[in-house]
């Protein structure tokens, strides 16, 4: 196994590509061991193509279909180690906040925290990653499964290093750096203005109405993976039920245009920041920012 090992925890198939696909492709191409843990099959996703609309009548069938989409997306990104938390279908897509599917008995939103974290601990102790990446406390944009993915990841981050917690799952392992995904507000604003000038057919929403975006100064780490943008686009196309792709733009079922970002941003939540990238201009914001340019920065 590679000396450099990253673990990404995402809620549904397609989340890995939209938020971190370029980063995953970059590190995989550079020889790092990239592990993706997906928490649900995405059974509650809204279906875009008319020829697949019948899957809405059988949510389990949609989940199975999205397993195939995820496999194709991982192949495009060069990721060979993808797992479902607790096994395929152990926890189910909860749907958006406040809907009836939140109360499904297998909804990930309802998962026992230590039980779900225990499944992730087993992966952590097997793979022994130095870096863990997931969403922030708000799940990046408020989806219950994203929030739960954060909670489970945070708990597993703590428990994996505790020798008293489920010793049968392997030797304790302490992850060096825990990151949250992020998009700086300036990058959101720049993308919206560029989309406004483009002829895409997608809906343009003002930057301050987008459900995500953080203060630029909160971003600690910027990964310039524009060289792997083609891999990210191919992975997005693999998620055909969920994403309409018109490079350099994409839209989900709501039709709101977003940029296919080749520069992806993160906030270090736990661990020690490594050396900054010499204050070089940030590829996402276009403004000078002193940020790490490597998720492994400072790890020896």
C-alpha atoms as a PDB file:
ATOM      1  CA  UNK A   1       0.000   0.000   0.000  1.00  0.00           C
ATOM      2  CA  UNK A   2       1.162   3.518  -0.756  1.00  0.00           C
ATOM      3  CA  UNK A   3       2.856   5.520   1.997  1.00  0.00           C
ATOM      4  CA  UNK A   4       0.370   8.357   1.396  1.00  0.00           C
ATOM      5  CA  UNK A   5      -3.202   7.374   2.223  1.00  0.00           C
ATOM      6  CA  UNK A   6      -6.378   9.470   2.145  1.00  0.00           C
ATOM      7  CA  UNK A   7      -9.892   8.592   3.239  1.00  0.00           C
ATOM      8  CA  UNK A   8     -12.881  10.493   1.829  1.00  0.00           C
ATOM      9  CA  UNK A   9     -16.295  10.047   3.473  1.00  0.00           C
ATOM     10  CA  UNK A  10     -19.291  11.086   1.358  1.00  0.00           C
ATOM     11  CA  UNK A  11     -23.031  10.747   1.836  1.00  0.00           C
ATOM     12  CA  UNK A  12     -24.283   9.593  -1.593  1.00  0.00           C
ATOM     13  CA  UNK A  13     -22.942   8.509  -4.968  1.00  0.00           C
ATOM     14  CA  UNK A  14     -22.025  11.698  -6.930  1.00  0.00           C
ATOM     15  CA  UNK A  15     -21.010  13.738  -3.852  1.00  0.00           C
ATOM     16  CA  UNK A  16     -17.462  12.454  -4.156  1.00  0.00           C
ATOM     17  CA  UNK A  17     -17.159  13.737  -7.708  1.00  0.00           C
ATOM     18  CA  UNK A  18     -18.892  17.095  -7.315  1.00  0.00           C
ATOM     19  CA  UNK A  19     -16.957  18.208  -4.260  1.00  0.00           C
ATOM     20  CA  UNK A  20     -13.644  16.349  -4.301  1.00  0.00           C
ATOM     21  CA  UNK A  21     -13.361  14.566  -7.655  1.00  0.00           C
ATOM     22  CA  UNK A  22     -10.421  16.539  -9.006  1.00  0.00           C
ATOM     23  CA  UNK A  23      -8.525  16.134  -5.732  1.00  0.00           C
ATOM     24  CA  UNK A  24      -9.167  12.394  -5.686  1.00  0.00           C
ATOM     25  CA  UNK A  25      -8.037  12.011  -9.292  1.00  0.00           C
ATOM     26  CA  UNK A  26      -4.871  14.021  -8.634  1.00  0.00           C
ATOM     27  CA  UNK A  27      -3.754  12.018  -5.626  1.00  0.00           C
ATOM     28  CA  UNK A  28      -4.684   8.691  -7.200  1.00  0.00           C
ATOM     29  CA  UNK A  29      -2.627   9.576 -10.295  1.00  0.00           C
ATOM     30  CA  UNK A  30       0.297  10.542  -8.062  1.00  0.00           C
ATOM     31  CA  UNK A  31       0.273   7.103  -6.432  1.00  0.00           C
ATOM     32  CA  UNK A  32      -1.487   7.834  -3.159  1.00  0.00           C
ATOM     33  CA  UNK A  33      -3.945   5.252  -1.858  1.00  0.00           C
ATOM     34  CA  UNK A  34      -7.365   6.893  -2.069  1.00  0.00           C
ATOM     35  CA  UNK A  35     -10.219   5.242  -0.179  1.00  0.00           C
ATOM     36  CA  UNK A  36     -13.804   6.385  -0.647  1.00  0.00           C
ATOM     37  CA  UNK A  37     -16.475   5.450   1.884  1.00  0.00           C
ATOM     38  CA  UNK A  38     -20.023   6.192   0.683  1.00  0.00           C
ATOM     39  CA  UNK A  39     -22.679   6.193   3.402  1.00  0.00           C
ATOM     40  CA  UNK A  40     -25.826   5.406   1.347  1.00  0.00           C
ATOM     41  CA  UNK A  41     -26.853   4.266  -2.123  1.00  0.00           C
ATOM     42  CA  UNK A  42     -28.653   7.521  -2.897  1.00  0.00           C
ATOM     43  CA  UNK A  43     -32.104   5.959  -3.118  1.00  0.00           C
ATOM     44  CA  UNK A  44     -33.921   9.294  -2.731  1.00  0.00           C
ATOM     45  CA  UNK A  45     -32.113  11.123  -5.527  1.00  0.00           C
ATOM     46  CA  UNK A  46     -34.153  13.012  -8.122  1.00  0.00           C
ATOM     47  CA  UNK A  47     -33.792  11.572 -11.621  1.00  0.00           C
ATOM     48  CA  UNK A  48     -32.946  13.853 -14.542  1.00  0.00           C
ATOM     49  CA  UNK A  49     -33.014  11.717 -17.750  1.00  0.00           C
ATOM     50  CA  UNK A  50     -36.492  10.851 -18.996  1.00  0.00           C
ATOM     51  CA  UNK A  51     -35.390   7.396 -20.105  1.00  0.00           C
ATOM     52  CA  UNK A  52     -34.509   6.573 -16.484  1.00  0.00           C
ATOM     53  CA  UNK A  53     -37.588   8.164 -14.893  1.00  0.00           C
ATOM     54  CA  UNK A  54     -39.077   4.724 -14.219  1.00  0.00           C
ATOM     55  CA  UNK A  55     -36.491   4.241 -11.463  1.00  0.00           C
ATOM     56  CA  UNK A  56     -38.457   6.731  -9.345  1.00  0.00           C
ATOM     57  CA  UNK A  57     -41.116   4.027  -8.928  1.00  0.00           C
ATOM     58  CA  UNK A  58     -38.651   1.702  -7.213  1.00  0.00           C
ATOM     59  CA  UNK A  59     -36.227   3.479  -4.951  1.00  0.00           C
ATOM     60  CA  UNK A  60     -34.248   0.330  -4.242  1.00  0.00           C
ATOM     61  CA  UNK A  61     -33.748  -0.102  -7.977  1.00  0.00           C
ATOM     62  CA  UNK A  62     -32.507   3.479  -8.176  1.00  0.00           C
ATOM     63  CA  UNK A  63     -30.006   2.718  -5.432  1.00  0.00           C
ATOM     64  CA  UNK A  64     -28.736  -0.303  -7.331  1.00  0.00           C
ATOM     65  CA  UNK A  65     -28.457   1.779 -10.490  1.00  0.00           C
ATOM     66  CA  UNK A  66     -26.465   4.427  -8.673  1.00  0.00           C
ATOM     67  CA  UNK A  67     -24.063   1.795  -7.389  1.00  0.00           C
ATOM     68  CA  UNK A  68     -23.176   1.202 -11.044  1.00  0.00           C
ATOM     69  CA  UNK A  69     -22.834   4.931 -11.664  1.00  0.00           C
ATOM     70  CA  UNK A  70     -20.484   5.225  -8.702  1.00  0.00           C
ATOM     71  CA  UNK A  71     -18.353   2.355  -9.945  1.00  0.00           C
ATOM     72  CA  UNK A  72     -17.980   4.061 -13.335  1.00  0.00           C
ATOM     73  CA  UNK A  73     -17.200   7.411 -11.694  1.00  0.00           C
ATOM     74  CA  UNK A  74     -14.490   5.863  -9.512  1.00  0.00           C
ATOM     75  CA  UNK A  75     -12.945   4.250 -12.584  1.00  0.00           C
ATOM     76  CA  UNK A  76     -12.826   7.671 -14.257  1.00  0.00           C
ATOM     77  CA  UNK A  77     -11.144   9.160 -11.189  1.00  0.00           C
ATOM     78  CA  UNK A  78      -8.671   6.302 -10.824  1.00  0.00           C
ATOM     79  CA  UNK A  79     -10.058   5.340  -7.413  1.00  0.00           C
ATOM     80  CA  UNK A  80      -9.879   1.586  -6.850  1.00  0.00           C
ATOM     81  CA  UNK A  81     -10.877   1.373  -3.168  1.00  0.00           C
ATOM     82  CA  UNK A  82     -14.550   2.292  -2.763  1.00  0.00           C
ATOM     83  CA  UNK A  83     -16.695   0.928   0.061  1.00  0.00           C
ATOM     84  CA  UNK A  84     -20.182   1.477   1.445  1.00  0.00           C
ATOM     85  CA  UNK A  85     -20.372   2.196   5.150  1.00  0.00           C
ATOM     86  CA  UNK A  86     -21.400  -1.042   6.843  1.00  0.00           C
ATOM     87  CA  UNK A  87     -21.836  -2.672   3.422  1.00  0.00           C
ATOM     88  CA  UNK A  88     -24.124  -1.753   0.495  1.00  0.00           C
ATOM     89  CA  UNK A  89     -27.572  -0.744   1.715  1.00  0.00           C
ATOM     90  CA  UNK A  90     -26.790  -0.868   5.442  1.00  0.00           C
ATOM     91  CA  UNK A  91     -28.030   2.701   5.730  1.00  0.00           C
ATOM     92  CA  UNK A  92     -30.454   4.382   3.392  1.00  0.00           C
ATOM     93  CA  UNK A  93     -30.598   7.818   1.764  1.00  0.00           C
ATOM     94  CA  UNK A  94     -32.651  10.038   4.115  1.00  0.00           C
ATOM     95  CA  UNK A  95     -33.753  12.557   1.512  1.00  0.00           C
ATOM     96  CA  UNK A  96     -33.783  16.304   2.100  1.00  0.00           C
ATOM     97  CA  UNK A  97     -34.346  17.729   5.560  1.00  0.00           C
ATOM     98  CA  UNK A  98     -37.915  17.453   6.866  1.00  0.00           C
ATOM     99  CA  UNK A  99     -39.298  14.900   4.385  1.00  0.00           C
ATOM    100  CA  UNK A 100     -40.940  11.580   5.275  1.00  0.00           C
ATOM    101  CA  UNK A 101     -37.924   9.499   4.218  1.00  0.00           C
ATOM    102  CA  UNK A 102     -35.975  11.016   7.129  1.00  0.00           C
ATOM    103  CA  UNK A 103     -37.990   8.649   9.336  1.00  0.00           C
ATOM    104  CA  UNK A 104     -37.322   5.454   7.370  1.00  0.00           C
ATOM    105  CA  UNK A 105     -36.003   2.826   9.817  1.00  0.00           C
ATOM    106  CA  UNK A 106     -32.770   2.503   7.840  1.00  0.00           C
ATOM    107  CA  UNK A 107     -32.362   6.230   7.128  1.00  0.00           C
ATOM    108  CA  UNK A 108     -28.769   7.294   7.684  1.00  0.00           C
ATOM    109  CA  UNK A 109     -30.089  10.335   9.550  1.00  0.00           C
ATOM    110  CA  UNK A 110     -31.447   7.877  12.146  1.00  0.00           C
ATOM    111  CA  UNK A 111     -28.258   5.810  12.429  1.00  0.00           C
ATOM    112  CA  UNK A 112     -26.830   5.177  15.878  1.00  0.00           C
ATOM    113  CA  UNK A 113     -23.725   7.356  15.982  1.00  0.00           C
ATOM    114  CA  UNK A 114     -21.369   4.894  17.650  1.00  0.00           C
ATOM    115  CA  UNK A 115     -22.611   1.998  15.520  1.00  0.00           C
ATOM    116  CA  UNK A 116     -22.001   3.888  12.281  1.00  0.00           C
ATOM    117  CA  UNK A 117     -18.722   5.307  13.570  1.00  0.00           C
ATOM    118  CA  UNK A 118     -17.633   1.796  14.533  1.00  0.00           C
ATOM    119  CA  UNK A 119     -18.017   0.679  10.922  1.00  0.00           C
ATOM    120  CA  UNK A 120     -15.842   3.592   9.820  1.00  0.00           C
ATOM    121  CA  UNK A 121     -13.289   2.867  12.543  1.00  0.00           C
ATOM    122  CA  UNK A 122     -12.818  -0.608  11.061  1.00  0.00           C
ATOM    123  CA  UNK A 123     -11.982   0.962   7.696  1.00  0.00           C
ATOM    124  CA  UNK A 124      -9.645   3.507   9.270  1.00  0.00           C
ATOM    125  CA  UNK A 125      -7.713   0.841  11.165  1.00  0.00           C
ATOM    126  CA  UNK A 126      -7.419  -1.269   8.040  1.00  0.00           C
ATOM    127  CA  UNK A 127      -6.372   1.484   5.643  1.00  0.00           C
ATOM    128  CA  UNK A 128      -4.511   3.647   8.200  1.00  0.00           C
ATOM    129  CA  UNK A 129      -4.946   6.961   6.380  1.00  0.00           C
ATOM    130  CA  UNK A 130      -3.016  10.037   7.396  1.00  0.00           C
ATOM    131  CA  UNK A 131      -5.785  12.289   6.053  1.00  0.00           C
ATOM    132  CA  UNK A 132      -9.582  12.179   6.451  1.00  0.00           C
ATOM    133  CA  UNK A 133     -11.891  14.407   4.379  1.00  0.00           C
ATOM    134  CA  UNK A 134     -15.620  14.947   4.841  1.00  0.00           C
ATOM    135  CA  UNK A 135     -18.123  17.817   5.280  1.00  0.00           C
ATOM    136  CA  UNK A 136     -18.392  20.446   7.997  1.00  0.00           C
ATOM    137  CA  UNK A 137     -20.956  20.501  10.815  1.00  0.00           C
ATOM    138  CA  UNK A 138     -23.643  21.760   8.417  1.00  0.00           C
ATOM    139  CA  UNK A 139     -22.920  19.039   5.898  1.00  0.00           C
ATOM    140  CA  UNK A 140     -21.659  21.709   3.454  1.00  0.00           C
ATOM    141  CA  UNK A 141     -25.227  22.725   2.573  1.00  0.00           C
ATOM    142  CA  UNK A 142     -27.549  21.266   5.206  1.00  0.00           C
ATOM    143  CA  UNK A 143     -28.532  17.838   3.856  1.00  0.00           C
ATOM    144  CA  UNK A 144     -29.204  15.482   6.808  1.00  0.00           C
ATOM    145  CA  UNK A 145     -27.014  12.701   5.402  1.00  0.00           C
ATOM    146  CA  UNK A 146     -24.139  15.132   4.918  1.00  0.00           C
ATOM    147  CA  UNK A 147     -24.528  16.353   8.485  1.00  0.00           C
ATOM    148  CA  UNK A 148     -24.581  12.747   9.690  1.00  0.00           C
ATOM    149  CA  UNK A 149     -21.502  11.927   7.601  1.00  0.00           C
ATOM    150  CA  UNK A 150     -19.700  14.714   9.444  1.00  0.00           C
ATOM    151  CA  UNK A 151     -20.856  13.439  12.840  1.00  0.00           C
ATOM    152  CA  UNK A 152     -19.900   9.856  12.069  1.00  0.00           C
ATOM    153  CA  UNK A 153     -16.513  10.879  10.667  1.00  0.00           C
ATOM    154  CA  UNK A 154     -15.730  13.085  13.646  1.00  0.00           C
ATOM    155  CA  UNK A 155     -16.657  10.305  16.080  1.00  0.00           C
ATOM    156  CA  UNK A 156     -14.654   7.718  14.133  1.00  0.00           C
ATOM    157  CA  UNK A 157     -11.670  10.095  14.012  1.00  0.00           C
ATOM    158  CA  UNK A 158     -11.710  10.078  17.823  1.00  0.00           C
ATOM    159  CA  UNK A 159     -12.524   6.405  18.383  1.00  0.00           C
ATOM    160  CA  UNK A 160     -10.017   4.974  15.890  1.00  0.00           C
ATOM    161  CA  UNK A 161      -7.177   6.108  18.152  1.00  0.00           C
ATOM    162  CA  UNK A 162      -8.739   4.625  21.306  1.00  0.00           C
ATOM    163  CA  UNK A 163      -7.339   1.151  22.058  1.00  0.00           C
ATOM    164  CA  UNK A 164     -10.353   0.392  24.265  1.00  0.00           C
ATOM    165  CA  UNK A 165     -12.853   0.819  21.424  1.00  0.00           C
ATOM    166  CA  UNK A 166     -13.623  -2.447  19.645  1.00  0.00           C
ATOM    167  CA  UNK A 167     -10.083  -3.889  19.713  1.00  0.00           C
ATOM    168  CA  UNK A 168     -11.277  -6.720  17.464  1.00  0.00           C
ATOM    169  CA  UNK A 169     -11.371  -4.227  14.584  1.00  0.00           C
ATOM    170  CA  UNK A 170      -7.603  -3.801  14.607  1.00  0.00           C
ATOM    171  CA  UNK A 171      -4.797  -1.761  16.062  1.00  0.00           C
ATOM    172  CA  UNK A 172      -5.549   1.854  17.047  1.00  0.00           C
ATOM    173  CA  UNK A 173      -4.734   4.486  14.437  1.00  0.00           C
ATOM    174  CA  UNK A 174      -4.482   8.234  14.860  1.00  0.00           C
ATOM    175  CA  UNK A 175      -5.276  10.277  11.744  1.00  0.00           C
ATOM    176  CA  UNK A 176      -2.932  13.242  11.382  1.00  0.00           C
ATOM    177  CA  UNK A 177      -5.254  15.685   9.587  1.00  0.00           C
ATOM    178  CA  UNK A 178      -9.051  16.021   9.424  1.00  0.00           C
ATOM    179  CA  UNK A 179     -10.445  18.274   6.684  1.00  0.00           C
ATOM    180  CA  UNK A 180     -13.831  19.732   5.798  1.00  0.00           C
ATOM    181  CA  UNK A 181     -14.766  20.461   2.197  1.00  0.00           C
ATOM    182  CA  UNK A 182     -15.302  24.154   1.449  1.00  0.00           C
ATOM    183  CA  UNK A 183     -15.960  26.697  -1.264  1.00  0.00           C
ATOM    184  CA  UNK A 184     -14.739  30.250  -0.623  1.00  0.00           C
ATOM    185  CA  UNK A 185     -17.343  32.945  -1.160  1.00  0.00           C
ATOM    186  CA  UNK A 186     -15.166  34.693  -3.754  1.00  0.00           C
ATOM    187  CA  UNK A 187     -15.085  31.509  -5.847  1.00  0.00           C
ATOM    188  CA  UNK A 188     -18.883  31.268  -5.706  1.00  0.00           C
ATOM    189  CA  UNK A 189     -19.228  34.899  -6.768  1.00  0.00           C
ATOM    190  CA  UNK A 190     -16.721  34.539  -9.604  1.00  0.00           C
ATOM    191  CA  UNK A 191     -18.458  31.400 -10.916  1.00  0.00           C
ATOM    192  CA  UNK A 192     -21.910  33.000 -10.799  1.00  0.00           C
ATOM    193  CA  UNK A 193     -20.713  36.039 -12.751  1.00  0.00           C
ATOM    194  CA  UNK A 194     -19.046  33.836 -15.368  1.00  0.00           C
ATOM    195  CA  UNK A 195     -22.183  31.717 -15.671  1.00  0.00           C
ATOM    196  CA  UNK A 196     -24.281  34.848 -16.093  1.00  0.00           C
ATOM    197  CA  UNK A 197     -22.210  35.760 -19.171  1.00  0.00           C
ATOM    198  CA  UNK A 198     -22.303  32.234 -20.617  1.00  0.00           C
ATOM    199  CA  UNK A 199     -25.023  30.673 -22.757  1.00  0.00           C
ATOM    200  CA  UNK A 200     -25.614  27.429 -20.871  1.00  0.00           C
ATOM    201  CA  UNK A 201     -29.374  27.078 -20.527  1.00  0.00           C
ATOM    202  CA  UNK A 202     -28.891  26.635 -16.785  1.00  0.00           C
ATOM    203  CA  UNK A 203     -30.582  28.814 -14.188  1.00  0.00           C
ATOM    204  CA  UNK A 204     -28.386  31.516 -12.648  1.00  0.00           C
ATOM    205  CA  UNK A 205     -28.854  32.134  -8.932  1.00  0.00           C
ATOM    206  CA  UNK A 206     -27.161  35.061  -7.136  1.00  0.00           C
ATOM    207  CA  UNK A 207     -24.138  34.040  -5.110  1.00  0.00           C
ATOM    208  CA  UNK A 208     -25.734  35.105  -1.833  1.00  0.00           C
ATOM    209  CA  UNK A 209     -28.654  32.753  -2.491  1.00  0.00           C
ATOM    210  CA  UNK A 210     -26.487  29.691  -3.044  1.00  0.00           C
ATOM    211  CA  UNK A 211     -26.726  27.287  -0.061  1.00  0.00           C
ATOM    212  CA  UNK A 212     -22.952  27.058   0.350  1.00  0.00           C
ATOM    213  CA  UNK A 213     -19.898  29.271   0.506  1.00  0.00           C
ATOM    214  CA  UNK A 214     -17.607  30.249   3.372  1.00  0.00           C
ATOM    215  CA  UNK A 215     -15.432  33.236   4.208  1.00  0.00           C
ATOM    216  CA  UNK A 216     -12.265  33.214   2.128  1.00  0.00           C
ATOM    217  CA  UNK A 217     -10.116  33.615   5.201  1.00  0.00           C
ATOM    218  CA  UNK A 218     -11.494  30.378   6.676  1.00  0.00           C
ATOM    219  CA  UNK A 219     -10.065  28.270   3.839  1.00  0.00           C
ATOM    220  CA  UNK A 220      -6.760  26.709   4.847  1.00  0.00           C
ATOM    221  CA  UNK A 221      -6.012  24.502   1.877  1.00  0.00           C
ATOM    222  CA  UNK A 222      -6.347  24.790  -1.884  1.00  0.00           C
ATOM    223  CA  UNK A 223      -5.711  21.859  -4.214  1.00  0.00           C
ATOM    224  CA  UNK A 224      -5.026  22.871  -7.799  1.00  0.00           C
ATOM    225  CA  UNK A 225      -6.099  19.767  -9.714  1.00  0.00           C
ATOM    226  CA  UNK A 226      -7.025  21.458 -12.991  1.00  0.00           C
ATOM    227  CA  UNK A 227      -4.784  18.976 -14.795  1.00  0.00           C
ATOM    228  CA  UNK A 228      -7.329  16.307 -13.783  1.00  0.00           C
ATOM    229  CA  UNK A 229     -10.450  18.206 -14.776  1.00  0.00           C
ATOM    230  CA  UNK A 230     -11.165  15.823 -17.662  1.00  0.00           C
ATOM    231  CA  UNK A 231     -11.322  12.929 -15.192  1.00  0.00           C
ATOM    232  CA  UNK A 232     -13.766  14.864 -13.035  1.00  0.00           C
ATOM    233  CA  UNK A 233     -15.964  15.661 -16.045  1.00  0.00           C
ATOM    234  CA  UNK A 234     -15.988  11.984 -17.051  1.00  0.00           C
ATOM    235  CA  UNK A 235     -16.944  10.996 -13.502  1.00  0.00           C
ATOM    236  CA  UNK A 236     -19.755  13.550 -13.506  1.00  0.00           C
ATOM    237  CA  UNK A 237     -21.084  12.121 -16.765  1.00  0.00           C
ATOM    238  CA  UNK A 238     -21.098   8.686 -15.112  1.00  0.00           C
ATOM    239  CA  UNK A 239     -23.625  10.018 -12.572  1.00  0.00           C
ATOM    240  CA  UNK A 240     -26.175  10.515 -15.328  1.00  0.00           C
ATOM    241  CA  UNK A 241     -29.270  10.182 -13.124  1.00  0.00           C
ATOM    242  CA  UNK A 242     -28.157  13.138 -11.025  1.00  0.00           C
ATOM    243  CA  UNK A 243     -26.031  15.525 -13.087  1.00  0.00           C
ATOM    244  CA  UNK A 244     -26.384  17.388 -16.372  1.00  0.00           C
ATOM    245  CA  UNK A 245     -22.899  18.165 -17.683  1.00  0.00           C
ATOM    246  CA  UNK A 246     -22.108  21.045 -20.045  1.00  0.00           C
ATOM    247  CA  UNK A 247     -18.433  21.788 -19.396  1.00  0.00           C
ATOM    248  CA  UNK A 248     -17.284  23.912 -17.720  1.00  0.00           C
ATOM    249  CA  UNK A 249     -20.705  23.893 -16.045  1.00  0.00           C
ATOM    250  CA  UNK A 250     -23.069  21.370 -14.521  1.00  0.00           C
ATOM    251  CA  UNK A 251     -26.478  21.300 -12.872  1.00  0.00           C
ATOM    252  CA  UNK A 252     -28.377  18.988 -10.586  1.00  0.00           C
ATOM    253  CA  UNK A 253     -32.098  18.324 -10.947  1.00  0.00           C
ATOM    254  CA  UNK A 254     -32.915  21.911  -9.906  1.00  0.00           C
ATOM    255  CA  UNK A 255     -31.274  23.182 -13.097  1.00  0.00           C
ATOM    256  CA  UNK A 256     -29.113  25.722 -11.244  1.00  0.00           C
ATOM    257  CA  UNK A 257     -25.764  26.109 -12.956  1.00  0.00           C
ATOM    258  CA  UNK A 258     -22.534  25.524 -11.082  1.00  0.00           C
ATOM    259  CA  UNK A 259     -18.902  25.490 -12.097  1.00  0.00           C
ATOM    260  CA  UNK A 260     -17.044  22.208 -12.552  1.00  0.00           C
ATOM    261  CA  UNK A 261     -14.166  23.195 -10.310  1.00  0.00           C
ATOM    262  CA  UNK A 262     -10.656  21.982 -10.956  1.00  0.00           C
ATOM    263  CA  UNK A 263      -9.417  23.853  -7.894  1.00  0.00           C
ATOM    264  CA  UNK A 264     -10.964  22.415  -4.727  1.00  0.00           C
ATOM    265  CA  UNK A 265     -10.855  23.912  -1.256  1.00  0.00           C
ATOM    266  CA  UNK A 266     -10.701  22.597   2.284  1.00  0.00           C
ATOM    267  CA  UNK A 267     -10.637  23.749   5.896  1.00  0.00           C
ATOM    268  CA  UNK A 268      -8.361  21.931   8.333  1.00  0.00           C
ATOM    269  CA  UNK A 269     -10.524  20.980  11.315  1.00  0.00           C
ATOM    270  CA  UNK A 270      -8.011  18.929  13.317  1.00  0.00           C
ATOM    271  CA  UNK A 271      -4.278  18.500  13.027  1.00  0.00           C
ATOM    272  CA  UNK A 272      -1.431  20.896  12.328  1.00  0.00           C
ATOM    273  CA  UNK A 273      -1.256  23.055   9.227  1.00  0.00           C
ATOM    274  CA  UNK A 274       1.716  22.380   7.030  1.00  0.00           C
ATOM    275  CA  UNK A 275       3.772  25.003   5.211  1.00  0.00           C
ATOM    276  CA  UNK A 276       1.710  27.376   3.108  1.00  0.00           C
ATOM    277  CA  UNK A 277       2.223  27.600  -0.631  1.00  0.00           C
ATOM    278  CA  UNK A 278       4.360  30.751  -0.340  1.00  0.00           C
ATOM    279  CA  UNK A 279       1.345  33.017  -0.553  1.00  0.00           C
ATOM    280  CA  UNK A 280       0.898  32.182  -4.234  1.00  0.00           C
ATOM    281  CA  UNK A 281      -2.280  33.478  -5.895  1.00  0.00           C
ATOM    282  CA  UNK A 282      -5.165  31.120  -5.207  1.00  0.00           C
ATOM    283  CA  UNK A 283      -6.448  29.330  -8.279  1.00  0.00           C
ATOM    284  CA  UNK A 284     -10.035  29.443  -7.039  1.00  0.00           C
ATOM    285  CA  UNK A 285     -10.368  33.050  -5.894  1.00  0.00           C
ATOM    286  CA  UNK A 286      -7.720  34.726  -8.034  1.00  0.00           C
ATOM    287  CA  UNK A 287      -6.590  36.601  -4.919  1.00  0.00           C
ATOM    288  CA  UNK A 288      -3.347  36.130  -2.962  1.00  0.00           C
ATOM    289  CA  UNK A 289      -4.015  33.659  -0.156  1.00  0.00           C
ATOM    290  CA  UNK A 290      -1.530  31.914   2.063  1.00  0.00           C
ATOM    291  CA  UNK A 291      -2.833  28.362   1.972  1.00  0.00           C
ATOM    292  CA  UNK A 292      -1.538  24.818   1.978  1.00  0.00           C
ATOM    293  CA  UNK A 293      -1.439  23.293  -1.487  1.00  0.00           C
ATOM    294  CA  UNK A 294      -1.178  19.681  -0.305  1.00  0.00           C
ATOM    295  CA  UNK A 295      -3.448  17.714   2.038  1.00  0.00           C
ATOM    296  CA  UNK A 296      -0.321  15.953   3.317  1.00  0.00           C
ATOM    297  CA  UNK A 297       1.543  19.201   4.019  1.00  0.00           C
ATOM    298  CA  UNK A 298       3.546  18.874   7.209  1.00  0.00           C
ATOM    299  CA  UNK A 299       3.082  15.113   7.552  1.00  0.00           C
ATOM    300  CA  UNK A 300       6.364  13.226   7.760  1.00  0.00           C
END
